[in-house]
């Protein structure tokens, strides 16, 4: 019974953080050295 409510709550947090990144990117800036996503990183 706790699985969906818990995952829903975690998902809402992530959507909120993505929204803040779009609306106010200065609050959560990108790191200076961004590593390229490749198969090795995955």
ModelCIF file with pLDDT and N, C-alpha, C, O atoms, coordinates in Angstrom:
data_MODEL
#
_entry.id   MODEL 
#
_entity.id                         1 
_entity.type                       polymer 
_entity.pdbx_number_of_molecules   1 
#
_entity_poly.entity_id                      1 
_entity_poly.type                           'polypeptide(L)' 
_entity_poly.nstd_linkage                   no 
_entity_poly.nstd_monomer                   no 
_entity_poly.pdbx_seq_one_letter_code       
;(UNK)(UNK)(UNK)(UNK)(UNK)(UNK)(UNK)(UNK)(UNK)(UNK)(UNK)(UNK)(UNK)(UNK)(UNK)(UNK)
(UNK)(UNK)(UNK)(UNK)(UNK)(UNK)(UNK)(UNK)(UNK)(UNK)(UNK)(UNK)(UNK)(UNK)(UNK)(UNK)
(UNK)(UNK)(UNK)(UNK)(UNK)(UNK)(UNK)(UNK)(UNK)(UNK)
;
_entity_poly.pdbx_seq_one_letter_code_can   XXXXXXXXXXXXXXXXXXXXXXXXXXXXXXXXXXXXXXXXXX 
_entity_poly.pdbx_strand_id                 A 
#
loop_
_entity_poly_seq.entity_id 
_entity_poly_seq.num 
_entity_poly_seq.mon_id 
_entity_poly_seq.hetero 
1 1  UNK n 
1 2  UNK n 
1 3  UNK n 
1 4  UNK n 
1 5  UNK n 
1 6  UNK n 
1 7  UNK n 
1 8  UNK n 
1 9  UNK n 
1 10 UNK n 
1 11 UNK n 
1 12 UNK n 
1 13 UNK n 
1 14 UNK n 
1 15 UNK n 
1 16 UNK n 
1 17 UNK n 
1 18 UNK n 
1 19 UNK n 
1 20 UNK n 
1 21 UNK n 
1 22 UNK n 
1 23 UNK n 
1 24 UNK n 
1 25 UNK n 
1 26 UNK n 
1 27 UNK n 
1 28 UNK n 
1 29 UNK n 
1 30 UNK n 
1 31 UNK n 
1 32 UNK n 
1 33 UNK n 
1 34 UNK n 
1 35 UNK n 
1 36 UNK n 
1 37 UNK n 
1 38 UNK n 
1 39 UNK n 
1 40 UNK n 
1 41 UNK n 
1 42 UNK n 
#
_struct_asym.id          A 
_struct_asym.entity_id   1 
#
loop_
_ma_qa_metric.id 
_ma_qa_metric.mode 
_ma_qa_metric.name 
_ma_qa_metric.software_group_id 
_ma_qa_metric.type 
1 global pLDDT . pLDDT 
2 local  pLDDT . pLDDT 
#
_ma_qa_metric_global.metric_id      1 
_ma_qa_metric_global.metric_value   84.74 
_ma_qa_metric_global.model_id       1 
_ma_qa_metric_global.ordinal_id     1 
#
loop_
_ma_qa_metric_local.label_asym_id 
_ma_qa_metric_local.label_comp_id 
_ma_qa_metric_local.label_seq_id 
_ma_qa_metric_local.metric_id 
_ma_qa_metric_local.metric_value 
_ma_qa_metric_local.model_id 
_ma_qa_metric_local.ordinal_id 
A UNK 1  2 91.00 1 1  
A UNK 2  2 90.00 1 2  
A UNK 3  2 90.00 1 3  
A UNK 4  2 91.00 1 4  
A UNK 5  2 91.00 1 5  
A UNK 6  2 89.00 1 6  
A UNK 7  2 89.00 1 7  
A UNK 8  2 91.00 1 8  
A UNK 9  2 91.00 1 9  
A UNK 10 2 90.00 1 10 
A UNK 11 2 91.00 1 11 
A UNK 12 2 93.00 1 12 
A UNK 13 2 93.00 1 13 
A UNK 14 2 92.00 1 14 
A UNK 15 2 93.00 1 15 
A UNK 16 2 94.00 1 16 
A UNK 17 2 91.00 1 17 
A UNK 18 2 90.00 1 18 
A UNK 19 2 92.00 1 19 
A UNK 20 2 91.00 1 20 
A UNK 21 2 88.00 1 21 
A UNK 22 2 88.00 1 22 
A UNK 23 2 90.00 1 23 
A UNK 24 2 88.00 1 24 
A UNK 25 2 86.00 1 25 
A UNK 26 2 87.00 1 26 
A UNK 27 2 87.00 1 27 
A UNK 28 2 84.00 1 28 
A UNK 29 2 83.00 1 29 
A UNK 30 2 76.00 1 30 
A UNK 31 2 73.00 1 31 
A UNK 32 2 70.00 1 32 
A UNK 33 2 68.00 1 33 
A UNK 34 2 65.00 1 34 
A UNK 35 2 67.00 1 35 
A UNK 36 2 73.00 1 36 
A UNK 37 2 70.00 1 37 
A UNK 38 2 75.00 1 38 
A UNK 39 2 80.00 1 39 
A UNK 40 2 82.00 1 40 
A UNK 41 2 76.00 1 41 
A UNK 42 2 80.00 1 42 
#
loop_
_atom_site.group_PDB 
_atom_site.id 
_atom_site.type_symbol 
_atom_site.label_atom_id 
_atom_site.label_alt_id 
_atom_site.label_comp_id 
_atom_site.label_asym_id 
_atom_site.label_entity_id 
_atom_site.label_seq_id 
_atom_site.pdbx_PDB_ins_code 
_atom_site.Cartn_x 
_atom_site.Cartn_y 
_atom_site.Cartn_z 
_atom_site.occupancy 
_atom_site.B_iso_or_equiv 
_atom_site.pdbx_formal_charge 
_atom_site.auth_seq_id 
_atom_site.auth_comp_id 
_atom_site.auth_asym_id 
_atom_site.auth_atom_id 
_atom_site.pdbx_PDB_model_num 
ATOM 1   N N  . UNK A 1 1  ? 0.823  -1.216 0.000   1.00 91.00 ? 1  UNK A N  1 
ATOM 2   C CA . UNK A 1 1  ? 0.000  0.000  0.000   1.00 91.00 ? 1  UNK A CA 1 
ATOM 3   C C  . UNK A 1 1  ? 0.854  1.261  0.000   1.00 91.00 ? 1  UNK A C  1 
ATOM 4   O O  . UNK A 1 1  ? 0.424  2.300  -0.501  1.00 91.00 ? 1  UNK A O  1 
ATOM 5   N N  . UNK A 1 2  ? 2.057  1.179  0.557   1.00 90.00 ? 2  UNK A N  1 
ATOM 6   C CA . UNK A 1 2  ? 2.922  2.363  0.644   1.00 90.00 ? 2  UNK A CA 1 
ATOM 7   C C  . UNK A 1 2  ? 3.725  2.608  -0.628  1.00 90.00 ? 2  UNK A C  1 
ATOM 8   O O  . UNK A 1 2  ? 4.299  3.686  -0.783  1.00 90.00 ? 2  UNK A O  1 
ATOM 9   N N  . UNK A 1 3  ? 3.782  1.651  -1.534  1.00 90.00 ? 3  UNK A N  1 
ATOM 10  C CA . UNK A 1 3  ? 4.642  1.784  -2.708  1.00 90.00 ? 3  UNK A CA 1 
ATOM 11  C C  . UNK A 1 3  ? 4.248  2.972  -3.573  1.00 90.00 ? 3  UNK A C  1 
ATOM 12  O O  . UNK A 1 3  ? 5.075  3.850  -3.818  1.00 90.00 ? 3  UNK A O  1 
ATOM 13  N N  . UNK A 1 4  ? 3.009  3.020  -4.041  1.00 91.00 ? 4  UNK A N  1 
ATOM 14  C CA . UNK A 1 4  ? 2.583  4.087  -4.946  1.00 91.00 ? 4  UNK A CA 1 
ATOM 15  C C  . UNK A 1 4  ? 2.580  5.463  -4.273  1.00 91.00 ? 4  UNK A C  1 
ATOM 16  O O  . UNK A 1 4  ? 3.072  6.415  -4.879  1.00 91.00 ? 4  UNK A O  1 
ATOM 17  N N  . UNK A 1 5  ? 2.050  5.617  -3.048  1.00 91.00 ? 5  UNK A N  1 
ATOM 18  C CA . UNK A 1 5  ? 2.137  6.937  -2.408  1.00 91.00 ? 5  UNK A CA 1 
ATOM 19  C C  . UNK A 1 5  ? 3.579  7.423  -2.233  1.00 91.00 ? 5  UNK A C  1 
ATOM 20  O O  . UNK A 1 5  ? 3.873  8.598  -2.450  1.00 91.00 ? 5  UNK A O  1 
ATOM 21  N N  . UNK A 1 6  ? 4.486  6.503  -1.836  1.00 89.00 ? 6  UNK A N  1 
ATOM 22  C CA . UNK A 1 6  ? 5.884  6.903  -1.663  1.00 89.00 ? 6  UNK A CA 1 
ATOM 23  C C  . UNK A 1 6  ? 6.543  7.302  -2.964  1.00 89.00 ? 6  UNK A C  1 
ATOM 24  O O  . UNK A 1 6  ? 7.235  8.318  -3.030  1.00 89.00 ? 6  UNK A O  1 
ATOM 25  N N  . UNK A 1 7  ? 6.329  6.498  -4.012  1.00 89.00 ? 7  UNK A N  1 
ATOM 26  C CA . UNK A 1 7  ? 6.905  6.822  -5.314  1.00 89.00 ? 7  UNK A CA 1 
ATOM 27  C C  . UNK A 1 7  ? 6.260  8.072  -5.907  1.00 89.00 ? 7  UNK A C  1 
ATOM 28  O O  . UNK A 1 7  ? 6.929  8.863  -6.574  1.00 89.00 ? 7  UNK A O  1 
ATOM 29  N N  . UNK A 1 8  ? 4.955  8.251  -5.663  1.00 91.00 ? 8  UNK A N  1 
ATOM 30  C CA . UNK A 1 8  ? 4.286  9.465  -6.115  1.00 91.00 ? 8  UNK A CA 1 
ATOM 31  C C  . UNK A 1 8  ? 4.915  10.698 -5.483  1.00 91.00 ? 8  UNK A C  1 
ATOM 32  O O  . UNK A 1 8  ? 5.157  11.696 -6.162  1.00 91.00 ? 8  UNK A O  1 
ATOM 33  N N  . UNK A 1 9  ? 5.176  10.630 -4.203  1.00 91.00 ? 9  UNK A N  1 
ATOM 34  C CA . UNK A 1 9  ? 5.773  11.757 -3.503  1.00 91.00 ? 9  UNK A CA 1 
ATOM 35  C C  . UNK A 1 9  ? 7.175  12.047 -4.037  1.00 91.00 ? 9  UNK A C  1 
ATOM 36  O O  . UNK A 1 9  ? 7.519  13.201 -4.293  1.00 91.00 ? 9  UNK A O  1 
ATOM 37  N N  . UNK A 1 10 ? 7.987  10.989 -4.205  1.00 90.00 ? 10 UNK A N  1 
ATOM 38  C CA . UNK A 1 10 ? 9.318  11.189 -4.773  1.00 90.00 ? 10 UNK A CA 1 
ATOM 39  C C  . UNK A 1 10 ? 9.254  11.760 -6.183  1.00 90.00 ? 10 UNK A C  1 
ATOM 40  O O  . UNK A 1 10 ? 10.063 12.613 -6.547  1.00 90.00 ? 10 UNK A O  1 
ATOM 41  N N  . UNK A 1 11 ? 8.285  11.289 -6.985  1.00 91.00 ? 11 UNK A N  1 
ATOM 42  C CA . UNK A 1 11 ? 8.117  11.807 -8.335  1.00 91.00 ? 11 UNK A CA 1 
ATOM 43  C C  . UNK A 1 11 ? 7.718  13.269 -8.342  1.00 91.00 ? 11 UNK A C  1 
ATOM 44  O O  . UNK A 1 11 ? 8.194  14.033 -9.182  1.00 91.00 ? 11 UNK A O  1 
ATOM 45  N N  . UNK A 1 12 ? 6.843  13.676 -7.413  1.00 93.00 ? 12 UNK A N  1 
ATOM 46  C CA . UNK A 1 12 ? 6.440  15.085 -7.314  1.00 93.00 ? 12 UNK A CA 1 
ATOM 47  C C  . UNK A 1 12 ? 7.639  15.958 -6.982  1.00 93.00 ? 12 UNK A C  1 
ATOM 48  O O  . UNK A 1 12 ? 7.781  17.052 -7.528  1.00 93.00 ? 12 UNK A O  1 
ATOM 49  N N  . UNK A 1 13 ? 8.504  15.482 -6.087  1.00 93.00 ? 13 UNK A N  1 
ATOM 50  C CA . UNK A 1 13 ? 9.715  16.238 -5.762  1.00 93.00 ? 13 UNK A CA 1 
ATOM 51  C C  . UNK A 1 13 ? 10.564 16.466 -7.014  1.00 93.00 ? 13 UNK A C  1 
ATOM 52  O O  . UNK A 1 13 ? 11.025 17.581 -7.261  1.00 93.00 ? 13 UNK A O  1 
ATOM 53  N N  . UNK A 1 14 ? 10.767 15.417 -7.794  1.00 92.00 ? 14 UNK A N  1 
ATOM 54  C CA . UNK A 1 14 ? 11.623 15.515 -8.981  1.00 92.00 ? 14 UNK A CA 1 
ATOM 55  C C  . UNK A 1 14 ? 11.001 16.463 -10.012 1.00 92.00 ? 14 UNK A C  1 
ATOM 56  O O  . UNK A 1 14 ? 11.714 17.266 -10.615 1.00 92.00 ? 14 UNK A O  1 
ATOM 57  N N  . UNK A 1 15 ? 9.679  16.381 -10.222 1.00 93.00 ? 15 UNK A N  1 
ATOM 58  C CA . UNK A 1 15 ? 9.002  17.290 -11.161 1.00 93.00 ? 15 UNK A CA 1 
ATOM 59  C C  . UNK A 1 15 ? 9.152  18.736 -10.692 1.00 93.00 ? 15 UNK A C  1 
ATOM 60  O O  . UNK A 1 15 ? 9.382  19.633 -11.503 1.00 93.00 ? 15 UNK A O  1 
ATOM 61  N N  . UNK A 1 16 ? 9.021  18.961 -9.391  1.00 94.00 ? 16 UNK A N  1 
ATOM 62  C CA . UNK A 1 16 ? 9.190  20.312 -8.851  1.00 94.00 ? 16 UNK A CA 1 
ATOM 63  C C  . UNK A 1 16 ? 10.602 20.840 -9.110  1.00 94.00 ? 16 UNK A C  1 
ATOM 64  O O  . UNK A 1 16 ? 10.775 21.987 -9.522  1.00 94.00 ? 16 UNK A O  1 
ATOM 65  N N  . UNK A 1 17 ? 11.597 20.005 -8.868  1.00 91.00 ? 17 UNK A N  1 
ATOM 66  C CA . UNK A 1 17 ? 12.987 20.436 -9.081  1.00 91.00 ? 17 UNK A CA 1 
ATOM 67  C C  . UNK A 1 17 ? 13.256 20.723 -10.560 1.00 91.00 ? 17 UNK A C  1 
ATOM 68  O O  . UNK A 1 17 ? 13.960 21.678 -10.889 1.00 91.00 ? 17 UNK A O  1 
ATOM 69  N N  . UNK A 1 18 ? 12.700 19.905 -11.446 1.00 90.00 ? 18 UNK A N  1 
ATOM 70  C CA . UNK A 1 18 ? 12.827 20.185 -12.880 1.00 90.00 ? 18 UNK A CA 1 
ATOM 71  C C  . UNK A 1 18 ? 12.163 21.517 -13.223 1.00 90.00 ? 18 UNK A C  1 
ATOM 72  O O  . UNK A 1 18 ? 12.688 22.285 -14.029 1.00 90.00 ? 18 UNK A O  1 
ATOM 73  N N  . UNK A 1 19 ? 11.006 21.791 -12.609 1.00 92.00 ? 19 UNK A N  1 
ATOM 74  C CA . UNK A 1 19 ? 10.323 23.057 -12.854 1.00 92.00 ? 19 UNK A CA 1 
ATOM 75  C C  . UNK A 1 19 ? 11.124 24.247 -12.377 1.00 92.00 ? 19 UNK A C  1 
ATOM 76  O O  . UNK A 1 19 ? 11.187 25.271 -13.057 1.00 92.00 ? 19 UNK A O  1 
ATOM 77  N N  . UNK A 1 20 ? 11.748 24.116 -11.188 1.00 91.00 ? 20 UNK A N  1 
ATOM 78  C CA . UNK A 1 20 ? 12.599 25.201 -10.687 1.00 91.00 ? 20 UNK A CA 1 
ATOM 79  C C  . UNK A 1 20 ? 13.771 25.426 -11.634 1.00 91.00 ? 20 UNK A C  1 
ATOM 80  O O  . UNK A 1 20 ? 14.164 26.567 -11.878 1.00 91.00 ? 20 UNK A O  1 
ATOM 81  N N  . UNK A 1 21 ? 14.334 24.338 -12.172 1.00 88.00 ? 21 UNK A N  1 
ATOM 82  C CA . UNK A 1 21 ? 15.452 24.460 -13.114 1.00 88.00 ? 21 UNK A CA 1 
ATOM 83  C C  . UNK A 1 21 ? 15.056 25.199 -14.381 1.00 88.00 ? 21 UNK A C  1 
ATOM 84  O O  . UNK A 1 21 ? 15.885 25.884 -14.979 1.00 88.00 ? 21 UNK A O  1 
ATOM 85  N N  . UNK A 1 22 ? 13.799 25.071 -14.801 1.00 88.00 ? 22 UNK A N  1 
ATOM 86  C CA . UNK A 1 22 ? 13.326 25.764 -16.002 1.00 88.00 ? 22 UNK A CA 1 
ATOM 87  C C  . UNK A 1 22 ? 12.994 27.228 -15.701 1.00 88.00 ? 22 UNK A C  1 
ATOM 88  O O  . UNK A 1 22 ? 13.362 28.122 -16.462 1.00 88.00 ? 22 UNK A O  1 
ATOM 89  N N  . UNK A 1 23 ? 12.296 27.465 -14.583 1.00 90.00 ? 23 UNK A N  1 
ATOM 90  C CA . UNK A 1 23 ? 11.836 28.814 -14.245 1.00 90.00 ? 23 UNK A CA 1 
ATOM 91  C C  . UNK A 1 23 ? 12.960 29.664 -13.654 1.00 90.00 ? 23 UNK A C  1 
ATOM 92  O O  . UNK A 1 23 ? 13.111 30.831 -14.015 1.00 90.00 ? 23 UNK A O  1 
ATOM 93  N N  . UNK A 1 24 ? 13.742 29.089 -12.755 1.00 88.00 ? 24 UNK A N  1 
ATOM 94  C CA . UNK A 1 24 ? 14.827 29.839 -12.084 1.00 88.00 ? 24 UNK A CA 1 
ATOM 95  C C  . UNK A 1 24 ? 16.121 29.046 -12.144 1.00 88.00 ? 24 UNK A C  1 
ATOM 96  O O  . UNK A 1 24 ? 16.570 28.531 -11.120 1.00 88.00 ? 24 UNK A O  1 
ATOM 97  N N  . UNK A 1 25 ? 16.737 28.932 -13.329 1.00 86.00 ? 25 UNK A N  1 
ATOM 98  C CA . UNK A 1 25 ? 17.955 28.116 -13.452 1.00 86.00 ? 25 UNK A CA 1 
ATOM 99  C C  . UNK A 1 25 ? 19.109 28.614 -12.602 1.00 86.00 ? 25 UNK A C  1 
ATOM 100 O O  . UNK A 1 25 ? 20.021 27.850 -12.288 1.00 86.00 ? 25 UNK A O  1 
ATOM 101 N N  . UNK A 1 26 ? 19.081 29.912 -12.216 1.00 87.00 ? 26 UNK A N  1 
ATOM 102 C CA . UNK A 1 26 ? 20.173 30.441 -11.396 1.00 87.00 ? 26 UNK A CA 1 
ATOM 103 C C  . UNK A 1 26 ? 20.170 29.847 -9.985  1.00 87.00 ? 26 UNK A C  1 
ATOM 104 O O  . UNK A 1 26 ? 21.191 29.871 -9.298  1.00 87.00 ? 26 UNK A O  1 
ATOM 105 N N  . UNK A 1 27 ? 19.034 29.318 -9.561  1.00 87.00 ? 27 UNK A N  1 
ATOM 106 C CA . UNK A 1 27 ? 18.966 28.713 -8.224  1.00 87.00 ? 27 UNK A CA 1 
ATOM 107 C C  . UNK A 1 27 ? 19.634 27.343 -8.182  1.00 87.00 ? 27 UNK A C  1 
ATOM 108 O O  . UNK A 1 27 ? 20.132 26.923 -7.137  1.00 87.00 ? 27 UNK A O  1 
ATOM 109 N N  . UNK A 1 28 ? 19.643 26.652 -9.311  1.00 84.00 ? 28 UNK A N  1 
ATOM 110 C CA . UNK A 1 28 ? 20.250 25.318 -9.365  1.00 84.00 ? 28 UNK A CA 1 
ATOM 111 C C  . UNK A 1 28 ? 21.107 25.232 -10.635 1.00 84.00 ? 28 UNK A C  1 
ATOM 112 O O  . UNK A 1 28 ? 20.717 24.592 -11.612 1.00 84.00 ? 28 UNK A O  1 
ATOM 113 N N  . UNK A 1 29 ? 22.273 25.879 -10.611 1.00 83.00 ? 29 UNK A N  1 
ATOM 114 C CA . UNK A 1 29 ? 23.099 25.971 -11.829 1.00 83.00 ? 29 UNK A CA 1 
ATOM 115 C C  . UNK A 1 29 ? 23.738 24.641 -12.210 1.00 83.00 ? 29 UNK A C  1 
ATOM 116 O O  . UNK A 1 29 ? 23.803 23.696 -11.424 1.00 83.00 ? 29 UNK A O  1 
ATOM 117 N N  . UNK A 1 30 ? 24.206 24.616 -13.453 1.00 76.00 ? 30 UNK A N  1 
ATOM 118 C CA . UNK A 1 30 ? 24.939 23.452 -13.943 1.00 76.00 ? 30 UNK A CA 1 
ATOM 119 C C  . UNK A 1 30 ? 26.348 23.446 -13.360 1.00 76.00 ? 30 UNK A C  1 
ATOM 120 O O  . UNK A 1 30 ? 26.891 24.507 -13.056 1.00 76.00 ? 30 UNK A O  1 
ATOM 121 N N  . UNK A 1 31 ? 26.946 22.271 -13.201 1.00 73.00 ? 31 UNK A N  1 
ATOM 122 C CA . UNK A 1 31 ? 28.347 22.220 -12.747 1.00 73.00 ? 31 UNK A CA 1 
ATOM 123 C C  . UNK A 1 31 ? 29.285 22.739 -13.826 1.00 73.00 ? 31 UNK A C  1 
ATOM 124 O O  . UNK A 1 31 ? 28.927 22.790 -15.002 1.00 73.00 ? 31 UNK A O  1 
ATOM 125 N N  . UNK A 1 32 ? 30.488 23.122 -13.414 1.00 70.00 ? 32 UNK A N  1 
ATOM 126 C CA . UNK A 1 32 ? 31.457 23.675 -14.375 1.00 70.00 ? 32 UNK A CA 1 
ATOM 127 C C  . UNK A 1 32 ? 31.915 22.615 -15.369 1.00 70.00 ? 32 UNK A C  1 
ATOM 128 O O  . UNK A 1 32 ? 31.969 22.874 -16.571 1.00 70.00 ? 32 UNK A O  1 
ATOM 129 N N  . UNK A 1 33 ? 32.236 21.456 -14.889 1.00 68.00 ? 33 UNK A N  1 
ATOM 130 C CA . UNK A 1 33 ? 32.718 20.382 -15.771 1.00 68.00 ? 33 UNK A CA 1 
ATOM 131 C C  . UNK A 1 33 ? 31.632 19.321 -15.893 1.00 68.00 ? 33 UNK A C  1 
ATOM 132 O O  . UNK A 1 33 ? 31.411 18.514 -14.990 1.00 68.00 ? 33 UNK A O  1 
ATOM 133 N N  . UNK A 1 34 ? 30.960 19.353 -17.050 1.00 65.00 ? 34 UNK A N  1 
ATOM 134 C CA . UNK A 1 34 ? 29.877 18.405 -17.296 1.00 65.00 ? 34 UNK A CA 1 
ATOM 135 C C  . UNK A 1 34 ? 30.412 17.241 -18.116 1.00 65.00 ? 34 UNK A C  1 
ATOM 136 O O  . UNK A 1 34 ? 30.947 17.425 -19.209 1.00 65.00 ? 34 UNK A O  1 
ATOM 137 N N  . UNK A 1 35 ? 30.258 16.052 -17.573 1.00 67.00 ? 35 UNK A N  1 
ATOM 138 C CA . UNK A 1 35 ? 30.754 14.866 -18.270 1.00 67.00 ? 35 UNK A CA 1 
ATOM 139 C C  . UNK A 1 35 ? 29.759 14.434 -19.350 1.00 67.00 ? 35 UNK A C  1 
ATOM 140 O O  . UNK A 1 35 ? 28.547 14.460 -19.134 1.00 67.00 ? 35 UNK A O  1 
ATOM 141 N N  . UNK A 1 36 ? 30.267 14.047 -20.478 1.00 73.00 ? 36 UNK A N  1 
ATOM 142 C CA . UNK A 1 36 ? 29.426 13.599 -21.576 1.00 73.00 ? 36 UNK A CA 1 
ATOM 143 C C  . UNK A 1 36 ? 28.788 12.251 -21.232 1.00 73.00 ? 36 UNK A C  1 
ATOM 144 O O  . UNK A 1 36 ? 29.438 11.344 -20.712 1.00 73.00 ? 36 UNK A O  1 
ATOM 145 N N  . UNK A 1 37 ? 27.481 12.154 -21.544 1.00 70.00 ? 37 UNK A N  1 
ATOM 146 C CA . UNK A 1 37 ? 26.776 10.901 -21.299 1.00 70.00 ? 37 UNK A CA 1 
ATOM 147 C C  . UNK A 1 37 ? 27.089 9.918  -22.425 1.00 70.00 ? 37 UNK A C  1 
ATOM 148 O O  . UNK A 1 37 ? 26.730 10.154 -23.578 1.00 70.00 ? 37 UNK A O  1 
ATOM 149 N N  . UNK A 1 38 ? 27.746 8.838  -22.092 1.00 75.00 ? 38 UNK A N  1 
ATOM 150 C CA . UNK A 1 38 ? 28.068 7.806  -23.073 1.00 75.00 ? 38 UNK A CA 1 
ATOM 151 C C  . UNK A 1 38 ? 27.823 6.440  -22.440 1.00 75.00 ? 38 UNK A C  1 
ATOM 152 O O  . UNK A 1 38 ? 27.406 6.344  -21.285 1.00 75.00 ? 38 UNK A O  1 
ATOM 153 N N  . UNK A 1 39 ? 28.083 5.401  -23.199 1.00 80.00 ? 39 UNK A N  1 
ATOM 154 C CA . UNK A 1 39 ? 27.816 4.054  -22.699 1.00 80.00 ? 39 UNK A CA 1 
ATOM 155 C C  . UNK A 1 39 ? 28.682 3.714  -21.487 1.00 80.00 ? 39 UNK A C  1 
ATOM 156 O O  . UNK A 1 39 ? 28.270 2.949  -20.614 1.00 80.00 ? 39 UNK A O  1 
ATOM 157 N N  . UNK A 1 40 ? 29.861 4.277  -21.444 1.00 82.00 ? 40 UNK A N  1 
ATOM 158 C CA . UNK A 1 40 ? 30.737 4.002  -20.301 1.00 82.00 ? 40 UNK A CA 1 
ATOM 159 C C  . UNK A 1 40 ? 30.133 4.569  -19.013 1.00 82.00 ? 40 UNK A C  1 
ATOM 160 O O  . UNK A 1 40 ? 30.160 3.921  -17.967 1.00 82.00 ? 40 UNK A O  1 
ATOM 161 N N  . UNK A 1 41 ? 29.583 5.802  -19.103 1.00 76.00 ? 41 UNK A N  1 
ATOM 162 C CA . UNK A 1 41 ? 28.947 6.409  -17.936 1.00 76.00 ? 41 UNK A CA 1 
ATOM 163 C C  . UNK A 1 41 ? 27.709 5.616  -17.530 1.00 76.00 ? 41 UNK A C  1 
ATOM 164 O O  . UNK A 1 41 ? 27.488 5.368  -16.344 1.00 76.00 ? 41 UNK A O  1 
ATOM 165 N N  . UNK A 1 42 ? 26.910 5.221  -18.506 1.00 80.00 ? 42 UNK A N  1 
ATOM 166 C CA . UNK A 1 42 ? 25.705 4.433  -18.209 1.00 80.00 ? 42 UNK A CA 1 
ATOM 167 C C  . UNK A 1 42 ? 26.078 3.122  -17.522 1.00 80.00 ? 42 UNK A C  1 
ATOM 168 O O  . UNK A 1 42 ? 25.199 2.325  -17.194 1.00 80.00 ? 42 UNK A O  1 
#
